[in-house]
Amino acid sequence: MDFSIVMLTLGVAFLLSVIMGPLAIPLLRRLKFGQQVRTDGPQGHLKKAGTPTMGGTIIMLALALAVLRFGEKNMETALLLVASLGYGFVGFLDDYIKILFKRSLGLTAKQKLLGQLIVSAIVCVMLVMSEHSTSLHIPYFDIDFNLGWLYFPFVVFLMLGTSNAVNFTDGLDGLLAGTSAIAFGAYAVIALNNTQPNIAIFSAAMVGAVLGFLVFNAHPAKVFMGDTGSLGIGGGLAAVAILTKAEILLAIIGGVFVVEVLSVIIQVTSFKTRGKRVFKMSPIHHHFELSGWSEWRVVISFWTAGLVLAGLGLYINEVL
């Protein structure tokens, strides 16, 4: 595959995001699509109330346009778009309800879970139709373990877990945009190494789209991506891991997301069982904020951790 096509896709997606930003942000502000900030969060975040949200629509649109322009029109491309745009649509409904009723919570947990399950089920059907392998590849040891029909519940679990872990990471200006660009960049390399052009193009398009969005989302953010962006990114990341047969590696390449969701689980479990909190606040990026770190220091540190983990994942996969 011509590497230049992958880089061209990245560049076009980046430009689309950068072009759409100045058009979408004033529109979101006029529509009063402002962020509702948690009152129990870091007090420094209260000044962010009213910042336009639902900016994830910029990411999803730039992604779709770039993929449809440079990717092949086949089941693989369709599955990737269904996973990302489908989860993004669930996030869009969540964001819209938050704005409509002016509250920090949108869809109920059951409603959001139902939407995610429906999209995941569609993805599973598409995997069956494309005769996708039901084996799990254990990297480094080069072992394949066939799960049979149990592979599909695993796919659902992976998509739900990834999308929610990514969603928890979206709490500071630029944090998720940067870490997700790194993770998708790693999977673009894996896809190129596997000679999977459509997955490489999709991954590159996502890198470009989120980096273009980062132009407006870096501290101090002019727009937030909302659940539209975070769930869409999470769904797309899980789908890429599934199609490259690098599902296990996602725990390493997406290690920052894993740590974020584990911090929430540990915090909730500890408080319910012992009545004590392990962290000053979860997800863990807020713990560092409340420990005196500047928002930018936390973001740069997490980006660095993401780069190291992505490099480790590529090394284990014998790409580096």
C-alpha atoms as a PDB file:
ATOM      1  CA  MET A   1       0.000   0.000   0.000  1.00  0.00           C
ATOM      2  CA  ASP A   2       1.155   3.512  -0.813  1.00  0.00           C
ATOM      3  CA  PHE A   3       2.096   5.182   2.498  1.00  0.00           C
ATOM      4  CA  SER A   4       1.448   8.564   0.893  1.00  0.00           C
ATOM      5  CA  ILE A   5      -2.304   7.789   0.693  1.00  0.00           C
ATOM      6  CA  VAL A   6      -2.420   7.188   4.430  1.00  0.00           C
ATOM      7  CA  MET A   7      -0.632  10.477   5.131  1.00  0.00           C
ATOM      8  CA  LEU A   8      -2.855  12.286   2.618  1.00  0.00           C
ATOM      9  CA  THR A   9      -5.917  10.958   4.436  1.00  0.00           C
ATOM     10  CA  LEU A  10      -4.508  12.214   7.742  1.00  0.00           C
ATOM     11  CA  GLY A  11      -3.803  15.628   6.238  1.00  0.00           C
ATOM     12  CA  VAL A  12      -7.243  15.983   4.650  1.00  0.00           C
ATOM     13  CA  ALA A  13      -9.023  14.971   7.870  1.00  0.00           C
ATOM     14  CA  PHE A  14      -6.891  17.471   9.789  1.00  0.00           C
ATOM     15  CA  LEU A  15      -7.727  20.285   7.377  1.00  0.00           C
ATOM     16  CA  LEU A  16     -11.428  19.424   7.439  1.00  0.00           C
ATOM     17  CA  SER A  17     -11.451  19.670  11.244  1.00  0.00           C
ATOM     18  CA  VAL A  18      -9.525  22.936  11.201  1.00  0.00           C
ATOM     19  CA  ILE A  19     -11.870  24.407   8.587  1.00  0.00           C
ATOM     20  CA  MET A  20     -15.051  23.253  10.327  1.00  0.00           C
ATOM     21  CA  GLY A  21     -13.971  24.496  13.761  1.00  0.00           C
ATOM     22  CA  PRO A  22     -14.466  28.247  13.156  1.00  0.00           C
ATOM     23  CA  LEU A  23     -17.786  27.464  11.468  1.00  0.00           C
ATOM     24  CA  ALA A  24     -19.157  25.101  14.098  1.00  0.00           C
ATOM     25  CA  ILE A  25     -18.032  26.816  17.319  1.00  0.00           C
ATOM     26  CA  PRO A  26     -19.990  30.084  16.787  1.00  0.00           C
ATOM     27  CA  LEU A  27     -23.016  28.019  15.707  1.00  0.00           C
ATOM     28  CA  LEU A  28     -22.845  25.871  18.847  1.00  0.00           C
ATOM     29  CA  ARG A  29     -22.538  29.043  20.926  1.00  0.00           C
ATOM     30  CA  ARG A  30     -25.587  30.641  19.248  1.00  0.00           C
ATOM     31  CA  LEU A  31     -27.585  27.465  19.807  1.00  0.00           C
ATOM     32  CA  LYS A  32     -26.533  27.690  23.482  1.00  0.00           C
ATOM     33  CA  PHE A  33     -24.973  24.227  23.336  1.00  0.00           C
ATOM     34  CA  GLY A  34     -22.844  24.986  26.390  1.00  0.00           C
ATOM     35  CA  GLN A  35     -21.140  22.543  28.730  1.00  0.00           C
ATOM     36  CA  GLN A  36     -22.827  21.783  32.055  1.00  0.00           C
ATOM     37  CA  VAL A  37     -20.019  21.421  34.614  1.00  0.00           C
ATOM     38  CA  ARG A  38     -20.233  19.117  37.661  1.00  0.00           C
ATOM     39  CA  THR A  39     -20.444  21.186  40.844  1.00  0.00           C
ATOM     40  CA  ASP A  40     -18.599  18.442  42.779  1.00  0.00           C
ATOM     41  CA  GLY A  41     -15.594  18.548  40.441  1.00  0.00           C
ATOM     42  CA  PRO A  42     -12.433  20.672  40.683  1.00  0.00           C
ATOM     43  CA  GLN A  43     -13.466  24.253  41.399  1.00  0.00           C
ATOM     44  CA  GLY A  44     -11.203  25.534  38.636  1.00  0.00           C
ATOM     45  CA  HIS A  45     -13.484  23.828  36.113  1.00  0.00           C
ATOM     46  CA  LEU A  46     -16.510  25.946  37.044  1.00  0.00           C
ATOM     47  CA  LYS A  47     -15.245  28.730  34.771  1.00  0.00           C
ATOM     48  CA  LYS A  48     -15.564  26.296  31.846  1.00  0.00           C
ATOM     49  CA  ALA A  49     -19.362  26.264  32.188  1.00  0.00           C
ATOM     50  CA  GLY A  50     -20.984  27.475  28.984  1.00  0.00           C
ATOM     51  CA  THR A  51     -18.055  26.511  26.737  1.00  0.00           C
ATOM     52  CA  PRO A  52     -19.577  25.055  23.535  1.00  0.00           C
ATOM     53  CA  THR A  53     -19.792  21.281  23.576  1.00  0.00           C
ATOM     54  CA  MET A  54     -20.815  18.592  21.057  1.00  0.00           C
ATOM     55  CA  GLY A  55     -17.641  19.464  19.135  1.00  0.00           C
ATOM     56  CA  GLY A  56     -17.306  15.751  18.526  1.00  0.00           C
ATOM     57  CA  THR A  57     -19.570  16.338  15.526  1.00  0.00           C
ATOM     58  CA  ILE A  58     -16.554  18.034  13.906  1.00  0.00           C
ATOM     59  CA  ILE A  59     -14.400  14.941  14.513  1.00  0.00           C
ATOM     60  CA  MET A  60     -17.016  12.477  13.274  1.00  0.00           C
ATOM     61  CA  LEU A  61     -17.793  14.488  10.138  1.00  0.00           C
ATOM     62  CA  ALA A  62     -14.117  15.020   9.234  1.00  0.00           C
ATOM     63  CA  LEU A  63     -13.473  11.323   9.847  1.00  0.00           C
ATOM     64  CA  ALA A  64     -16.373  10.147   7.692  1.00  0.00           C
ATOM     65  CA  LEU A  65     -15.592  12.479   4.795  1.00  0.00           C
ATOM     66  CA  ALA A  66     -11.905  11.501   4.709  1.00  0.00           C
ATOM     67  CA  VAL A  67     -12.614   7.765   4.971  1.00  0.00           C
ATOM     68  CA  LEU A  68     -15.306   7.852   2.285  1.00  0.00           C
ATOM     69  CA  ARG A  69     -12.950   9.768  -0.004  1.00  0.00           C
ATOM     70  CA  PHE A  70      -9.842   7.589   0.360  1.00  0.00           C
ATOM     71  CA  GLY A  71     -11.060   4.243   1.739  1.00  0.00           C
ATOM     72  CA  GLU A  72     -12.455   1.355  -0.250  1.00  0.00           C
ATOM     73  CA  LYS A  73     -16.232   0.939  -0.236  1.00  0.00           C
ATOM     74  CA  ASN A  74     -16.408  -2.494   1.397  1.00  0.00           C
ATOM     75  CA  MET A  75     -17.592  -4.287   4.541  1.00  0.00           C
ATOM     76  CA  GLU A  76     -14.431  -3.448   6.476  1.00  0.00           C
ATOM     77  CA  THR A  77     -14.831   0.291   5.937  1.00  0.00           C
ATOM     78  CA  ALA A  78     -18.556   0.075   6.656  1.00  0.00           C
ATOM     79  CA  LEU A  79     -17.926  -1.748   9.942  1.00  0.00           C
ATOM     80  CA  LEU A  80     -15.428   0.861  11.105  1.00  0.00           C
ATOM     81  CA  LEU A  81     -17.816   3.704  10.313  1.00  0.00           C
ATOM     82  CA  VAL A  82     -20.772   1.936  11.934  1.00  0.00           C
ATOM     83  CA  ALA A  83     -18.772   1.377  15.126  1.00  0.00           C
ATOM     84  CA  SER A  84     -17.498   4.948  15.347  1.00  0.00           C
ATOM     85  CA  LEU A  85     -20.508   6.887  14.042  1.00  0.00           C
ATOM     86  CA  GLY A  86     -22.945   4.568  15.832  1.00  0.00           C
ATOM     87  CA  TYR A  87     -21.317   5.119  19.203  1.00  0.00           C
ATOM     88  CA  GLY A  88     -20.948   8.783  18.302  1.00  0.00           C
ATOM     89  CA  PHE A  89     -24.710   8.986  17.734  1.00  0.00           C
ATOM     90  CA  VAL A  90     -25.372   7.511  21.190  1.00  0.00           C
ATOM     91  CA  GLY A  91     -23.049  10.185  22.569  1.00  0.00           C
ATOM     92  CA  PHE A  92     -24.857  12.846  20.518  1.00  0.00           C
ATOM     93  CA  LEU A  93     -28.184  11.904  22.116  1.00  0.00           C
ATOM     94  CA  ASP A  94     -26.539  12.037  25.555  1.00  0.00           C
ATOM     95  CA  ASP A  95     -25.053  15.481  24.868  1.00  0.00           C
ATOM     96  CA  TYR A  96     -28.311  16.833  23.448  1.00  0.00           C
ATOM     97  CA  ILE A  97     -30.332  15.759  26.482  1.00  0.00           C
ATOM     98  CA  LYS A  98     -27.769  17.377  28.793  1.00  0.00           C
ATOM     99  CA  ILE A  99     -28.143  20.644  26.889  1.00  0.00           C
ATOM    100  CA  LEU A 100     -31.927  20.407  26.516  1.00  0.00           C
ATOM    101  CA  PHE A 101     -32.501  19.929  30.239  1.00  0.00           C
ATOM    102  CA  LYS A 102     -29.418  21.929  31.321  1.00  0.00           C
ATOM    103  CA  ARG A 103     -27.926  19.197  33.515  1.00  0.00           C
ATOM    104  CA  SER A 104     -24.565  17.410  33.729  1.00  0.00           C
ATOM    105  CA  LEU A 105     -26.136  13.973  33.086  1.00  0.00           C
ATOM    106  CA  GLY A 106     -27.926  13.102  29.845  1.00  0.00           C
ATOM    107  CA  LEU A 107     -29.143   9.616  28.988  1.00  0.00           C
ATOM    108  CA  THR A 108     -29.676   7.294  31.932  1.00  0.00           C
ATOM    109  CA  ALA A 109     -27.078   4.561  32.384  1.00  0.00           C
ATOM    110  CA  LYS A 110     -29.546   1.959  31.080  1.00  0.00           C
ATOM    111  CA  GLN A 111     -30.437   4.043  28.007  1.00  0.00           C
ATOM    112  CA  LYS A 112     -26.791   4.638  27.135  1.00  0.00           C
ATOM    113  CA  LEU A 113     -25.960   0.959  27.644  1.00  0.00           C
ATOM    114  CA  LEU A 114     -28.856  -0.083  25.404  1.00  0.00           C
ATOM    115  CA  GLY A 115     -27.650   2.195  22.616  1.00  0.00           C
ATOM    116  CA  GLN A 116     -24.097   0.868  22.910  1.00  0.00           C
ATOM    117  CA  LEU A 117     -25.346  -2.737  22.908  1.00  0.00           C
ATOM    118  CA  ILE A 118     -27.382  -2.166  19.748  1.00  0.00           C
ATOM    119  CA  VAL A 119     -24.369  -0.753  17.882  1.00  0.00           C
ATOM    120  CA  SER A 120     -22.159  -3.572  19.201  1.00  0.00           C
ATOM    121  CA  ALA A 121     -24.696  -6.166  18.041  1.00  0.00           C
ATOM    122  CA  ILE A 122     -24.688  -4.661  14.538  1.00  0.00           C
ATOM    123  CA  VAL A 123     -20.888  -4.825  14.517  1.00  0.00           C
ATOM    124  CA  CYS A 124     -21.029  -8.515  15.530  1.00  0.00           C
ATOM    125  CA  VAL A 125     -23.444  -9.272  12.675  1.00  0.00           C
ATOM    126  CA  MET A 126     -21.087  -7.529  10.250  1.00  0.00           C
ATOM    127  CA  LEU A 127     -18.153  -9.552  11.607  1.00  0.00           C
ATOM    128  CA  VAL A 128     -20.085 -12.776  10.988  1.00  0.00           C
ATOM    129  CA  MET A 129     -21.001 -11.653   7.463  1.00  0.00           C
ATOM    130  CA  SER A 130     -17.347 -10.883   6.711  1.00  0.00           C
ATOM    131  CA  GLU A 131     -16.238 -14.258   8.158  1.00  0.00           C
ATOM    132  CA  HIS A 132     -13.967 -12.560  10.662  1.00  0.00           C
ATOM    133  CA  SER A 133     -11.719 -14.922  12.618  1.00  0.00           C
ATOM    134  CA  THR A 134     -12.957 -15.784  16.114  1.00  0.00           C
ATOM    135  CA  SER A 135      -9.454 -16.448  17.429  1.00  0.00           C
ATOM    136  CA  LEU A 136      -7.517 -14.200  19.802  1.00  0.00           C
ATOM    137  CA  HIS A 137      -3.883 -13.590  19.003  1.00  0.00           C
ATOM    138  CA  ILE A 138      -1.557 -13.489  21.994  1.00  0.00           C
ATOM    139  CA  PRO A 139       1.265 -11.141  20.940  1.00  0.00           C
ATOM    140  CA  TYR A 140       4.923 -11.820  21.652  1.00  0.00           C
ATOM    141  CA  PHE A 141       4.197 -15.519  22.306  1.00  0.00           C
ATOM    142  CA  ASP A 142       2.592 -15.800  18.834  1.00  0.00           C
ATOM    143  CA  ILE A 143      -0.265 -17.978  20.111  1.00  0.00           C
ATOM    144  CA  ASP A 144      -3.793 -18.081  18.678  1.00  0.00           C
ATOM    145  CA  PHE A 145      -6.689 -19.131  20.892  1.00  0.00           C
ATOM    146  CA  ASN A 146     -10.017 -19.788  19.178  1.00  0.00           C
ATOM    147  CA  LEU A 147     -12.960 -18.598  21.269  1.00  0.00           C
ATOM    148  CA  GLY A 148     -15.639 -19.812  18.860  1.00  0.00           C
ATOM    149  CA  TRP A 149     -19.002 -18.178  19.490  1.00  0.00           C
ATOM    150  CA  LEU A 150     -17.681 -16.715  22.768  1.00  0.00           C
ATOM    151  CA  TYR A 151     -15.677 -14.295  20.649  1.00  0.00           C
ATOM    152  CA  PHE A 152     -18.781 -12.167  20.029  1.00  0.00           C
ATOM    153  CA  PRO A 153     -19.637 -11.538  23.708  1.00  0.00           C
ATOM    154  CA  PHE A 154     -15.942 -10.642  24.006  1.00  0.00           C
ATOM    155  CA  VAL A 155     -16.357  -8.127  21.155  1.00  0.00           C
ATOM    156  CA  VAL A 156     -19.337  -6.540  22.909  1.00  0.00           C
ATOM    157  CA  PHE A 157     -17.391  -6.366  26.180  1.00  0.00           C
ATOM    158  CA  LEU A 158     -14.382  -4.841  24.405  1.00  0.00           C
ATOM    159  CA  MET A 159     -16.485  -2.177  22.686  1.00  0.00           C
ATOM    160  CA  LEU A 160     -18.380  -1.263  25.841  1.00  0.00           C
ATOM    161  CA  GLY A 161     -15.229  -1.217  27.949  1.00  0.00           C
ATOM    162  CA  THR A 162     -13.172   0.783  25.468  1.00  0.00           C
ATOM    163  CA  SER A 163     -15.835   3.396  24.756  1.00  0.00           C
ATOM    164  CA  ASN A 164     -16.505   4.001  28.437  1.00  0.00           C
ATOM    165  CA  ALA A 165     -12.798   4.061  29.335  1.00  0.00           C
ATOM    166  CA  VAL A 166     -12.189   6.618  26.585  1.00  0.00           C
ATOM    167  CA  ASN A 167     -15.211   8.584  27.799  1.00  0.00           C
ATOM    168  CA  PHE A 168     -13.772   8.779  31.342  1.00  0.00           C
ATOM    169  CA  THR A 169     -10.513  10.145  29.898  1.00  0.00           C
ATOM    170  CA  ASP A 170     -12.271  13.164  28.401  1.00  0.00           C
ATOM    171  CA  GLY A 171     -12.032  15.460  31.397  1.00  0.00           C
ATOM    172  CA  LEU A 172      -9.263  17.972  30.692  1.00  0.00           C
ATOM    173  CA  ASP A 173      -8.588  20.279  27.746  1.00  0.00           C
ATOM    174  CA  GLY A 174      -6.830  18.313  25.022  1.00  0.00           C
ATOM    175  CA  LEU A 175      -6.338  15.161  27.114  1.00  0.00           C
ATOM    176  CA  LEU A 176      -8.436  12.765  25.055  1.00  0.00           C
ATOM    177  CA  ALA A 177      -7.639  14.360  21.695  1.00  0.00           C
ATOM    178  CA  GLY A 178      -3.921  13.807  22.256  1.00  0.00           C
ATOM    179  CA  THR A 179      -4.057  10.325  23.786  1.00  0.00           C
ATOM    180  CA  SER A 180      -6.507   9.038  21.169  1.00  0.00           C
ATOM    181  CA  ALA A 181      -4.362  10.402  18.318  1.00  0.00           C
ATOM    182  CA  ILE A 182      -1.411   8.446  19.743  1.00  0.00           C
ATOM    183  CA  ALA A 183      -3.420   5.214  20.069  1.00  0.00           C
ATOM    184  CA  PHE A 184      -4.864   5.445  16.553  1.00  0.00           C
ATOM    185  CA  GLY A 185      -1.413   6.291  15.226  1.00  0.00           C
ATOM    186  CA  ALA A 186      -0.099   3.042  16.697  1.00  0.00           C
ATOM    187  CA  TYR A 187      -2.928   1.054  15.125  1.00  0.00           C
ATOM    188  CA  ALA A 188      -2.295   2.750  11.773  1.00  0.00           C
ATOM    189  CA  VAL A 189       1.263   1.389  11.952  1.00  0.00           C
ATOM    190  CA  ILE A 190      -0.031  -2.090  12.854  1.00  0.00           C
ATOM    191  CA  ALA A 191      -2.531  -1.999   9.985  1.00  0.00           C
ATOM    192  CA  LEU A 192       0.186  -0.976   7.532  1.00  0.00           C
ATOM    193  CA  ASN A 193       2.397  -3.772   8.828  1.00  0.00           C
ATOM    194  CA  ASN A 194      -0.523  -6.220   8.351  1.00  0.00           C
ATOM    195  CA  THR A 195      -1.219  -4.849   4.855  1.00  0.00           C
ATOM    196  CA  GLN A 196      -4.716  -3.704   5.861  1.00  0.00           C
ATOM    197  CA  PRO A 197      -5.095  -0.449   3.895  1.00  0.00           C
ATOM    198  CA  ASN A 198      -8.680   0.370   4.888  1.00  0.00           C
ATOM    199  CA  ILE A 199      -7.893   0.133   8.594  1.00  0.00           C
ATOM    200  CA  ALA A 200      -4.742   2.214   8.135  1.00  0.00           C
ATOM    201  CA  ILE A 201      -6.758   4.860   6.265  1.00  0.00           C
ATOM    202  CA  PHE A 202      -9.486   4.910   8.931  1.00  0.00           C
ATOM    203  CA  SER A 203      -6.922   5.179  11.738  1.00  0.00           C
ATOM    204  CA  ALA A 204      -5.047   7.955   9.938  1.00  0.00           C
ATOM    205  CA  ALA A 205      -8.313   9.813   9.324  1.00  0.00           C
ATOM    206  CA  MET A 206      -9.113   9.653  13.040  1.00  0.00           C
ATOM    207  CA  VAL A 207      -5.621  10.920  13.917  1.00  0.00           C
ATOM    208  CA  GLY A 208      -6.069  13.861  11.556  1.00  0.00           C
ATOM    209  CA  ALA A 209      -9.597  14.612  12.757  1.00  0.00           C
ATOM    210  CA  VAL A 210      -8.705  14.672  16.461  1.00  0.00           C
ATOM    211  CA  LEU A 211      -5.495  16.659  15.903  1.00  0.00           C
ATOM    212  CA  GLY A 212      -7.473  19.223  13.918  1.00  0.00           C
ATOM    213  CA  PHE A 213      -9.965  19.371  16.764  1.00  0.00           C
ATOM    214  CA  LEU A 214      -7.087  19.766  19.218  1.00  0.00           C
ATOM    215  CA  VAL A 215      -6.337  23.150  17.628  1.00  0.00           C
ATOM    216  CA  PHE A 216      -9.521  24.406  19.316  1.00  0.00           C
ATOM    217  CA  ASN A 217      -9.577  21.999  22.274  1.00  0.00           C
ATOM    218  CA  ALA A 218      -6.082  22.675  23.702  1.00  0.00           C
ATOM    219  CA  HIS A 219      -6.025  24.598  26.982  1.00  0.00           C
ATOM    220  CA  PRO A 220      -7.882  26.895  27.298  1.00  0.00           C
ATOM    221  CA  ALA A 221     -10.447  25.006  25.221  1.00  0.00           C
ATOM    222  CA  LYS A 222     -12.746  26.909  22.905  1.00  0.00           C
ATOM    223  CA  VAL A 223     -14.913  23.809  22.430  1.00  0.00           C
ATOM    224  CA  PHE A 224     -15.400  20.409  24.053  1.00  0.00           C
ATOM    225  CA  MET A 225     -15.998  17.193  22.111  1.00  0.00           C
ATOM    226  CA  GLY A 226     -18.659  15.890  24.497  1.00  0.00           C
ATOM    227  CA  ASP A 227     -19.831  12.283  24.483  1.00  0.00           C
ATOM    228  CA  THR A 228     -20.398  12.628  20.734  1.00  0.00           C
ATOM    229  CA  GLY A 229     -16.649  12.618  20.292  1.00  0.00           C
ATOM    230  CA  SER A 230     -15.483  10.445  23.184  1.00  0.00           C
ATOM    231  CA  LEU A 231     -17.901   7.566  22.556  1.00  0.00           C
ATOM    232  CA  GLY A 232     -17.320   7.765  18.806  1.00  0.00           C
ATOM    233  CA  ILE A 233     -13.558   7.637  19.314  1.00  0.00           C
ATOM    234  CA  GLY A 234     -13.906   4.722  21.735  1.00  0.00           C
ATOM    235  CA  GLY A 235     -16.120   2.732  19.390  1.00  0.00           C
ATOM    236  CA  GLY A 236     -13.747   3.310  16.499  1.00  0.00           C
ATOM    237  CA  LEU A 237     -10.691   2.350  18.560  1.00  0.00           C
ATOM    238  CA  ALA A 238     -12.256  -0.950  19.628  1.00  0.00           C
ATOM    239  CA  ALA A 239     -13.249  -1.736  16.034  1.00  0.00           C
ATOM    240  CA  VAL A 240      -9.716  -1.073  14.777  1.00  0.00           C
ATOM    241  CA  ALA A 241      -8.274  -3.364  17.466  1.00  0.00           C
ATOM    242  CA  ILE A 242     -10.746  -6.093  16.495  1.00  0.00           C
ATOM    243  CA  LEU A 243     -10.097  -5.921  12.751  1.00  0.00           C
ATOM    244  CA  THR A 244      -6.309  -5.887  13.135  1.00  0.00           C
ATOM    245  CA  LYS A 245      -6.582  -8.899  15.479  1.00  0.00           C
ATOM    246  CA  ALA A 246      -4.690  -6.841  18.059  1.00  0.00           C
ATOM    247  CA  GLU A 247      -7.455  -6.907  20.653  1.00  0.00           C
ATOM    248  CA  ILE A 248      -5.161  -7.895  23.524  1.00  0.00           C
ATOM    249  CA  LEU A 249      -2.683  -5.147  22.636  1.00  0.00           C
ATOM    250  CA  LEU A 250      -5.412  -2.553  23.189  1.00  0.00           C
ATOM    251  CA  ALA A 251      -4.859  -2.921  26.939  1.00  0.00           C
ATOM    252  CA  ILE A 252      -1.294  -1.690  26.391  1.00  0.00           C
ATOM    253  CA  ILE A 253      -1.667   0.785  23.516  1.00  0.00           C
ATOM    254  CA  GLY A 254      -4.721   2.228  25.246  1.00  0.00           C
ATOM    255  CA  GLY A 255      -3.142   1.864  28.687  1.00  0.00           C
ATOM    256  CA  VAL A 256      -3.991   5.438  29.669  1.00  0.00           C
ATOM    257  CA  PHE A 257      -7.678   4.679  29.115  1.00  0.00           C
ATOM    258  CA  VAL A 258      -7.361   1.470  31.148  1.00  0.00           C
ATOM    259  CA  VAL A 259      -5.813   3.345  34.079  1.00  0.00           C
ATOM    260  CA  GLU A 260      -8.550   5.987  33.903  1.00  0.00           C
ATOM    261  CA  VAL A 261     -11.415   3.488  34.113  1.00  0.00           C
ATOM    262  CA  LEU A 262      -9.624   1.381  36.763  1.00  0.00           C
ATOM    263  CA  SER A 263      -9.247   4.483  38.932  1.00  0.00           C
ATOM    264  CA  VAL A 264     -13.018   4.961  38.826  1.00  0.00           C
ATOM    265  CA  ILE A 265     -13.683   1.294  39.644  1.00  0.00           C
ATOM    266  CA  ILE A 266     -11.192   1.351  42.536  1.00  0.00           C
ATOM    267  CA  GLN A 267     -12.619   4.607  43.892  1.00  0.00           C
ATOM    268  CA  VAL A 268     -16.238   3.439  43.786  1.00  0.00           C
ATOM    269  CA  THR A 269     -15.441  -0.022  45.184  1.00  0.00           C
ATOM    270  CA  SER A 270     -13.344   1.388  48.019  1.00  0.00           C
ATOM    271  CA  PHE A 271     -15.956   3.957  48.998  1.00  0.00           C
ATOM    272  CA  LYS A 272     -18.819   1.444  48.950  1.00  0.00           C
ATOM    273  CA  THR A 273     -16.957  -1.264  50.862  1.00  0.00           C
ATOM    274  CA  ARG A 274     -14.743   0.762  53.235  1.00  0.00           C
ATOM    275  CA  GLY A 275     -16.298   4.207  53.183  1.00  0.00           C
ATOM    276  CA  LYS A 276     -12.908   5.617  52.150  1.00  0.00           C
ATOM    277  CA  ARG A 277     -11.610   7.149  48.912  1.00  0.00           C
ATOM    278  CA  VAL A 278      -8.301   6.027  47.420  1.00  0.00           C
ATOM    279  CA  PHE A 279      -7.933   9.100  45.214  1.00  0.00           C
ATOM    280  CA  LYS A 280      -8.795  12.716  45.919  1.00  0.00           C
ATOM    281  CA  MET A 281     -11.142  12.412  42.947  1.00  0.00           C
ATOM    282  CA  SER A 282     -11.626  10.023  40.063  1.00  0.00           C
ATOM    283  CA  PRO A 283     -10.968   9.617  37.162  1.00  0.00           C
ATOM    284  CA  ILE A 284      -7.317   9.802  38.128  1.00  0.00           C
ATOM    285  CA  HIS A 285      -6.478  12.912  36.073  1.00  0.00           C
ATOM    286  CA  HIS A 286      -8.566  14.898  38.583  1.00  0.00           C
ATOM    287  CA  HIS A 287      -6.525  13.402  41.447  1.00  0.00           C
ATOM    288  CA  PHE A 288      -3.388  14.973  40.007  1.00  0.00           C
ATOM    289  CA  GLU A 289      -5.200  18.277  39.496  1.00  0.00           C
ATOM    290  CA  LEU A 290      -6.303  18.335  43.128  1.00  0.00           C
ATOM    291  CA  SER A 291      -2.743  17.425  44.137  1.00  0.00           C
ATOM    292  CA  GLY A 292      -1.568  20.754  42.752  1.00  0.00           C
ATOM    293  CA  TRP A 293      -0.624  19.872  39.173  1.00  0.00           C
ATOM    294  CA  SER A 294      -1.609  22.384  36.519  1.00  0.00           C
ATOM    295  CA  GLU A 295      -4.090  21.155  33.931  1.00  0.00           C
ATOM    296  CA  TRP A 296      -1.477  21.436  31.184  1.00  0.00           C
ATOM    297  CA  ARG A 297       1.079  19.441  33.240  1.00  0.00           C
ATOM    298  CA  VAL A 298      -1.408  16.601  33.706  1.00  0.00           C
ATOM    299  CA  VAL A 299      -2.245  16.552  29.994  1.00  0.00           C
ATOM    300  CA  ILE A 300       1.400  16.532  28.856  1.00  0.00           C
ATOM    301  CA  SER A 301       2.231  13.782  31.368  1.00  0.00           C
ATOM    302  CA  PHE A 302      -0.632  11.610  30.145  1.00  0.00           C
ATOM    303  CA  TRP A 303       0.326  12.222  26.494  1.00  0.00           C
ATOM    304  CA  THR A 304       3.866  11.119  27.334  1.00  0.00           C
ATOM    305  CA  ALA A 305       2.579   7.983  29.060  1.00  0.00           C
ATOM    306  CA  GLY A 306       0.417   7.286  26.010  1.00  0.00           C
ATOM    307  CA  LEU A 307       3.430   7.559  23.698  1.00  0.00           C
ATOM    308  CA  VAL A 308       5.497   5.189  25.836  1.00  0.00           C
ATOM    309  CA  LEU A 309       2.668   2.642  26.006  1.00  0.00           C
ATOM    310  CA  ALA A 310       2.001   2.875  22.263  1.00  0.00           C
ATOM    311  CA  GLY A 311       5.689   2.276  21.602  1.00  0.00           C
ATOM    312  CA  LEU A 312       5.650  -0.700  23.971  1.00  0.00           C
ATOM    313  CA  GLY A 313       2.610  -2.117  22.193  1.00  0.00           C
ATOM    314  CA  LEU A 314       4.288  -1.816  18.812  1.00  0.00           C
ATOM    315  CA  TYR A 315       7.433  -3.429  20.179  1.00  0.00           C
ATOM    316  CA  ILE A 316       5.477  -6.364  21.593  1.00  0.00           C
ATOM    317  CA  ASN A 317       3.698  -6.700  18.249  1.00  0.00           C
ATOM    318  CA  GLU A 318       7.149  -6.793  16.633  1.00  0.00           C
ATOM    319  CA  VAL A 319       6.470  -3.722  14.506  1.00  0.00           C
ATOM    320  CA  LEU A 320       9.258  -1.685  16.087  1.00  0.00           C
END
